[in-house]
Amino acid sequence: MLHFTLRQLQVFEKVASHLSHSRAAEELYLSQPAVSMQIKQLEASIGLPLFEQMGKKIFLTEAGRELLHYTKNIAQQLTEMEAVFDEMKGLGHGKLTLSVVNTANYFTPQLLAKFCQRYPNINMNLQVANRDAVLKQLADNTTDLAIMGQPPDELDLSAESFLDNPLVVIAAPNHPLAKLKHIKFARLAEEAFLSREPGSGTRSAMERVFAQHKIQPRISMEMETNEAIKQAVQAGMGLGILSQHSIELELETKRLAMLNVEHFPLLRHWFVAHRSNKRLSGAALAFKEFLLTEAKKTIAGR
């Protein structure tokens, strides 16, 4: 029978996540020898090595990879148990971990502000990342809810749309195309595009619409943030395709122009998603209901 403590599993998960005893020690406010001792005791209890060292680097063994899988599930179960007890105390003391794709973070703070006014004692943990990273957080069950574009069918997720997400073509105000009232889609084949990185939902949507028209987009540069793309487009380095939610300030101040291209805007939707079999806490259920019933009028009223 195995004998180990939750603290040992917590230490193991940190070391396994960073593949570093020193970084785990920093996050847990422990000394490095204390971390090493916890790992040795855990390995002794299991009877198998959890890490192997090659040069100055450490790697998970097969046993370590298996334990990490179970450790994540145990941690999530403990979090859900805590959420159930918080729910018993009432919504005023709940916790919610929310993952948001980068583009959705342009409007999410406004939604969170209104929600937190209603439930001021709910502890919110916001994680902002690209689409691939958010999908991994859902797959690893390390988040309660996610705000993202259409989730892939292969993941066992429950997802409901709550807000439109129009994608538009943008240019510098002095770009020749900005003066045209009607632009054929084929004309875009002549232009250089500044694009988000592979793994971004905006990039995937861009590639799909070009493929539908049998045109290969000429991507001159990849950037990891919408802000970088906006600055580069404004400087005249090329065109961009972004969510209209992300460029409202630049349109108002006339620092960017939205082009009138046929088949645009691309109308997509924002979804709130979670694992299908996940037991949502009262806080998570309340925020999901808030999105489904009040997001549109909250964003429209800003």
Protein backbone atom coordinates (compact mmCIF):
# COMPACT_ATOMS: atom_id res chain seq x y z
CA MET A 1 0.00 0.00 0.00
CA LEU A 2 1.32 3.43 -0.92
CA HIS A 3 2.03 5.92 1.83
CA PHE A 4 2.59 9.53 0.83
CA THR A 5 1.26 12.97 1.69
CA LEU A 6 -0.62 15.56 -0.32
CA ARG A 7 2.31 17.90 0.31
CA GLN A 8 4.65 15.45 -1.40
CA LEU A 9 2.34 15.31 -4.41
CA GLN A 10 2.19 19.10 -4.49
CA VAL A 11 6.00 19.32 -4.48
CA PHE A 12 6.23 16.62 -7.14
CA GLU A 13 3.78 18.43 -9.43
CA LYS A 14 5.79 21.67 -9.21
CA VAL A 15 9.07 19.91 -9.95
CA ALA A 16 7.45 17.96 -12.81
CA SER A 17 5.90 21.11 -14.30
CA HIS A 18 9.17 23.06 -14.32
CA LEU A 19 11.62 20.13 -14.47
CA SER A 20 13.57 22.08 -11.91
CA HIS A 21 14.01 21.65 -8.15
CA SER A 22 15.06 25.27 -7.72
CA ARG A 23 12.02 26.76 -9.49
CA ALA A 24 9.70 24.47 -7.54
CA ALA A 25 11.39 25.58 -4.32
CA GLU A 26 10.86 29.25 -5.23
CA GLU A 27 7.15 28.79 -5.94
CA LEU A 28 6.55 26.75 -2.80
CA TYR A 29 8.71 28.96 -0.55
CA LEU A 30 10.84 25.97 0.41
CA SER A 31 14.57 25.36 0.37
CA GLN A 32 15.93 23.26 -2.47
CA PRO A 33 17.11 20.50 -0.07
CA ALA A 34 13.57 20.34 1.37
CA VAL A 35 12.15 19.83 -2.13
CA SER A 36 14.71 17.14 -2.90
CA MET A 37 13.90 15.35 0.36
CA GLN A 38 10.15 15.33 -0.42
CA ILE A 39 10.84 13.83 -3.85
CA LYS A 40 13.15 11.15 -2.39
CA GLN A 41 10.53 10.19 0.19
CA LEU A 42 7.86 9.98 -2.51
CA GLU A 43 10.09 7.80 -4.71
CA ALA A 44 10.81 5.55 -1.73
CA SER A 45 7.09 5.14 -1.06
CA ILE A 46 6.30 4.32 -4.69
CA GLY A 47 9.38 2.17 -5.18
CA LEU A 48 10.26 3.67 -8.55
CA PRO A 49 12.35 6.64 -9.69
CA LEU A 50 10.23 9.60 -10.82
CA PHE A 51 13.00 11.64 -12.45
CA GLU A 52 16.19 10.88 -14.31
CA GLN A 53 19.08 13.27 -14.76
CA MET A 54 20.95 13.79 -18.03
CA GLY A 55 23.73 16.31 -17.68
CA LYS A 56 22.34 19.30 -15.83
CA LYS A 57 18.72 18.62 -16.83
CA ILE A 58 16.12 16.34 -15.25
CA PHE A 59 13.35 14.49 -17.06
CA LEU A 60 10.29 12.54 -15.96
CA THR A 61 10.55 8.77 -16.04
CA GLU A 62 7.62 6.64 -17.23
CA ALA A 63 6.53 6.32 -13.59
CA GLY A 64 6.86 10.08 -13.19
CA ARG A 65 4.63 10.75 -16.19
CA GLU A 66 1.99 8.38 -14.81
CA LEU A 67 2.12 10.00 -11.38
CA LEU A 68 1.82 13.48 -12.89
CA HIS A 69 -1.39 12.41 -14.64
CA TYR A 70 -2.93 11.19 -11.38
CA THR A 71 -1.57 14.13 -9.40
CA LYS A 72 -3.34 16.62 -11.67
CA ASN A 73 -6.61 14.73 -11.26
CA ILE A 74 -6.21 14.63 -7.48
CA ALA A 75 -5.48 18.36 -7.38
CA GLN A 76 -8.56 19.08 -9.47
CA GLN A 77 -10.72 16.88 -7.25
CA LEU A 78 -9.52 18.78 -4.19
CA THR A 79 -10.29 22.08 -5.90
CA GLU A 80 -13.78 20.89 -6.78
CA MET A 81 -14.30 19.67 -3.22
CA GLU A 82 -13.34 23.10 -1.92
CA ALA A 83 -15.73 24.69 -4.43
CA VAL A 84 -18.58 22.48 -3.18
CA PHE A 85 -17.96 23.60 0.39
CA ASP A 86 -17.82 27.23 -0.78
CA GLU A 87 -21.13 26.67 -2.54
CA MET A 88 -22.64 25.37 0.68
CA LYS A 89 -21.61 28.62 2.32
CA GLY A 90 -23.28 30.61 -0.46
CA LEU A 91 -22.02 32.26 -3.65
CA GLY A 92 -20.33 35.01 -1.68
CA HIS A 93 -17.25 32.86 -1.04
CA GLY A 94 -16.74 30.96 -4.29
CA LYS A 95 -13.68 30.57 -6.50
CA LEU A 96 -13.54 30.61 -10.29
CA THR A 97 -10.66 29.93 -12.67
CA LEU A 98 -11.36 31.40 -16.10
CA SER A 99 -9.23 30.87 -19.21
CA VAL A 100 -9.57 33.39 -22.04
CA VAL A 101 -8.04 33.48 -25.51
CA ASN A 102 -6.00 36.62 -26.20
CA THR A 103 -8.53 38.39 -28.42
CA ALA A 104 -11.42 37.86 -26.00
CA ASN A 105 -9.45 39.71 -23.35
CA TYR A 106 -10.43 42.99 -25.04
CA PHE A 107 -13.97 42.66 -23.68
CA THR A 108 -13.64 40.12 -20.85
CA PRO A 109 -12.51 42.68 -18.21
CA GLN A 110 -15.71 44.64 -18.72
CA LEU A 111 -17.78 41.48 -18.17
CA LEU A 112 -15.72 40.53 -15.11
CA ALA A 113 -16.15 44.01 -13.64
CA LYS A 114 -19.93 43.77 -13.81
CA PHE A 115 -19.97 40.19 -12.51
CA CYS A 116 -17.65 41.01 -9.61
CA GLN A 117 -19.84 43.96 -8.65
CA ARG A 118 -22.69 41.50 -8.28
CA TYR A 119 -20.58 38.88 -6.46
CA PRO A 120 -17.77 40.90 -4.80
CA ASN A 121 -16.39 38.05 -2.68
CA ILE A 122 -15.88 35.53 -5.45
CA ASN A 123 -12.16 34.95 -5.98
CA MET A 124 -11.42 35.15 -9.73
CA ASN A 125 -8.31 33.69 -11.36
CA LEU A 126 -7.94 34.87 -14.97
CA GLN A 127 -5.61 33.06 -17.41
CA VAL A 128 -5.01 34.64 -20.84
CA ALA A 129 -3.35 32.59 -23.58
CA ASN A 130 -3.67 31.62 -27.23
CA ARG A 131 -6.23 29.08 -28.42
CA ASP A 132 -3.95 26.03 -28.25
CA ALA A 133 -2.94 26.83 -24.67
CA VAL A 134 -6.56 27.35 -23.58
CA LEU A 135 -7.54 24.03 -25.17
CA LYS A 136 -4.72 22.34 -23.25
CA GLN A 137 -5.96 23.90 -20.00
CA LEU A 138 -9.42 22.48 -20.73
CA ALA A 139 -7.97 19.08 -21.62
CA ASP A 140 -5.85 19.05 -18.44
CA ASN A 141 -8.89 20.17 -16.41
CA THR A 142 -6.93 23.06 -14.90
CA THR A 143 -9.62 25.65 -15.58
CA ASP A 144 -13.32 25.87 -14.73
CA LEU A 145 -14.53 27.77 -17.77
CA ALA A 146 -13.00 29.07 -20.99
CA ILE A 147 -13.97 31.92 -23.31
CA MET A 148 -12.90 31.10 -26.86
CA GLY A 149 -14.02 30.61 -30.45
CA GLN A 150 -15.73 27.43 -31.65
CA PRO A 151 -14.08 24.51 -29.76
CA PRO A 152 -12.94 21.47 -31.77
CA ASP A 153 -15.29 18.48 -31.93
CA GLU A 154 -12.65 16.00 -30.79
CA LEU A 155 -12.55 17.39 -27.25
CA ASP A 156 -15.34 16.30 -24.91
CA LEU A 157 -16.54 19.83 -24.17
CA SER A 158 -19.81 21.55 -23.47
CA ALA A 159 -19.88 24.91 -25.29
CA GLU A 160 -22.53 27.60 -25.80
CA SER A 161 -22.22 30.80 -27.84
CA PHE A 162 -22.92 34.07 -26.05
CA LEU A 163 -21.56 36.86 -28.31
CA ASP A 164 -20.83 37.57 -31.98
CA ASN A 165 -17.19 37.85 -33.02
CA PRO A 166 -16.83 39.61 -36.41
CA LEU A 167 -13.39 39.38 -38.06
CA VAL A 168 -12.45 42.30 -40.32
CA VAL A 169 -9.62 43.32 -42.63
CA ILE A 170 -7.66 46.32 -41.39
CA ALA A 171 -5.19 48.70 -43.02
CA ALA A 172 -3.40 51.96 -42.33
CA PRO A 173 -5.73 54.93 -43.04
CA ASN A 174 -3.51 56.05 -45.94
CA HIS A 175 -3.42 52.61 -47.61
CA PRO A 176 -4.74 52.72 -51.22
CA LEU A 177 -7.42 50.10 -50.44
CA ALA A 178 -8.82 52.24 -47.61
CA LYS A 179 -10.26 54.62 -50.24
CA LEU A 180 -12.22 51.89 -52.06
CA LYS A 181 -15.89 51.22 -51.29
CA HIS A 182 -16.00 47.65 -52.62
CA ILE A 183 -12.98 45.34 -52.70
CA LYS A 184 -13.05 41.90 -54.35
CA PHE A 185 -11.69 39.11 -52.20
CA ALA A 186 -9.24 38.08 -54.95
CA ARG A 187 -7.57 41.50 -54.58
CA LEU A 188 -6.22 40.38 -51.18
CA ALA A 189 -3.88 37.94 -52.94
CA GLU A 190 -1.76 40.95 -53.97
CA GLU A 191 -1.30 42.20 -50.40
CA ALA A 192 1.11 41.26 -47.62
CA PHE A 193 -0.51 40.23 -44.35
CA LEU A 194 0.64 40.50 -40.77
CA SER A 195 -0.74 37.45 -38.99
CA ARG A 196 -1.10 35.88 -35.59
CA GLU A 197 0.96 32.79 -34.84
CA PRO A 198 -0.13 29.21 -35.71
CA GLY A 199 -2.37 28.01 -32.88
CA SER A 200 -4.30 31.27 -32.78
CA GLY A 201 -8.03 31.10 -33.51
CA THR A 202 -7.81 34.24 -35.65
CA ARG A 203 -5.02 32.68 -37.73
CA SER A 204 -7.06 29.50 -38.25
CA ALA A 205 -10.12 31.48 -39.39
CA MET A 206 -7.96 33.51 -41.77
CA GLU A 207 -6.47 30.37 -43.34
CA ARG A 208 -9.90 28.78 -43.74
CA VAL A 209 -11.45 31.71 -45.61
CA PHE A 210 -8.47 32.01 -47.95
CA ALA A 211 -8.57 28.25 -48.60
CA GLN A 212 -12.27 28.48 -49.45
CA HIS A 213 -11.38 30.98 -52.17
CA LYS A 214 -8.38 28.91 -53.31
CA ILE A 215 -5.96 31.73 -52.51
CA GLN A 216 -2.72 31.41 -50.59
CA PRO A 217 -2.34 34.40 -48.23
CA ARG A 218 1.02 36.15 -48.44
CA ILE A 219 2.04 36.32 -44.79
CA SER A 220 5.01 38.62 -44.46
CA MET A 221 5.32 38.41 -40.67
CA GLU A 222 3.89 36.43 -37.75
CA MET A 223 3.22 38.13 -34.42
CA GLU A 224 2.05 36.73 -31.09
CA THR A 225 -0.19 39.63 -30.03
CA ASN A 226 -2.98 41.64 -31.60
CA GLU A 227 -1.30 44.82 -30.34
CA ALA A 228 1.83 44.08 -32.36
CA ILE A 229 -0.25 43.49 -35.49
CA LYS A 230 -2.16 46.75 -35.00
CA GLN A 231 1.05 48.74 -34.59
CA ALA A 232 2.61 47.14 -37.68
CA VAL A 233 -0.51 47.70 -39.81
CA GLN A 234 -0.66 51.31 -38.63
CA ALA A 235 2.98 51.71 -39.71
CA GLY A 236 2.07 50.58 -43.22
CA MET A 237 3.78 47.18 -43.12
CA GLY A 238 0.76 45.32 -44.51
CA LEU A 239 -2.85 44.32 -43.87
CA GLY A 240 -4.24 42.41 -40.94
CA ILE A 241 -7.32 40.36 -40.05
CA LEU A 242 -8.49 40.81 -36.47
CA SER A 243 -11.61 40.69 -34.36
CA GLN A 244 -13.55 43.95 -34.51
CA HIS A 245 -13.65 43.80 -30.69
CA SER A 246 -9.88 44.36 -30.65
CA ILE A 247 -9.74 47.49 -32.84
CA GLU A 248 -12.62 49.68 -31.64
CA LEU A 249 -10.35 52.31 -30.09
CA GLU A 250 -8.15 52.51 -33.19
CA LEU A 251 -11.22 52.90 -35.44
CA GLU A 252 -12.60 55.69 -33.26
CA THR A 253 -9.28 57.57 -33.30
CA LYS A 254 -8.80 56.86 -37.03
CA ARG A 255 -5.44 55.19 -36.50
CA LEU A 256 -6.69 52.16 -38.44
CA ALA A 257 -9.18 51.69 -41.27
CA MET A 258 -11.59 48.77 -41.69
CA LEU A 259 -11.66 47.67 -45.34
CA ASN A 260 -14.89 46.90 -47.17
CA VAL A 261 -13.92 43.49 -48.57
CA GLU A 262 -16.49 41.08 -49.97
CA HIS A 263 -17.32 38.16 -47.63
CA PHE A 264 -16.23 40.27 -44.66
CA PRO A 265 -16.85 40.62 -41.79
CA LEU A 266 -16.38 36.92 -41.11
CA LEU A 267 -19.06 36.28 -38.55
CA ARG A 268 -17.82 33.95 -35.84
CA HIS A 269 -18.98 33.55 -32.26
CA TRP A 270 -17.56 33.58 -28.76
CA PHE A 271 -18.28 30.48 -26.69
CA VAL A 272 -18.16 29.66 -22.99
CA ALA A 273 -16.81 26.12 -22.69
CA HIS A 274 -16.00 23.54 -20.03
CA ARG A 275 -15.36 19.82 -19.75
CA SER A 276 -18.63 17.94 -20.36
CA ASN A 277 -18.31 15.83 -17.24
CA LYS A 278 -17.07 18.64 -15.01
CA ARG A 279 -19.08 19.46 -11.92
CA LEU A 280 -19.33 23.24 -12.03
CA SER A 281 -19.23 25.16 -8.77
CA GLY A 282 -21.91 27.67 -7.90
CA ALA A 283 -19.52 30.47 -8.91
CA ALA A 284 -18.86 28.87 -12.31
CA LEU A 285 -22.56 28.26 -12.93
CA ALA A 286 -23.35 31.86 -12.00
CA PHE A 287 -20.71 33.26 -14.36
CA LYS A 288 -21.81 30.99 -17.22
CA GLU A 289 -25.42 32.12 -16.77
CA PHE A 290 -24.23 35.74 -16.62
CA LEU A 291 -22.46 35.36 -19.97
CA LEU A 292 -25.43 33.69 -21.65
CA THR A 293 -27.97 36.24 -20.46
CA GLU A 294 -26.12 39.54 -20.07
CA ALA A 295 -22.93 39.60 -22.15
CA LYS A 296 -24.52 41.07 -25.29
CA LYS A 297 -26.18 44.00 -23.55
CA THR A 298 -23.13 44.60 -21.33
CA ILE A 299 -20.79 44.88 -24.33
CA ALA A 300 -23.32 46.88 -26.38
CA GLY A 301 -23.71 49.38 -23.54
CA ARG A 302 -20.05 50.24 -23.10
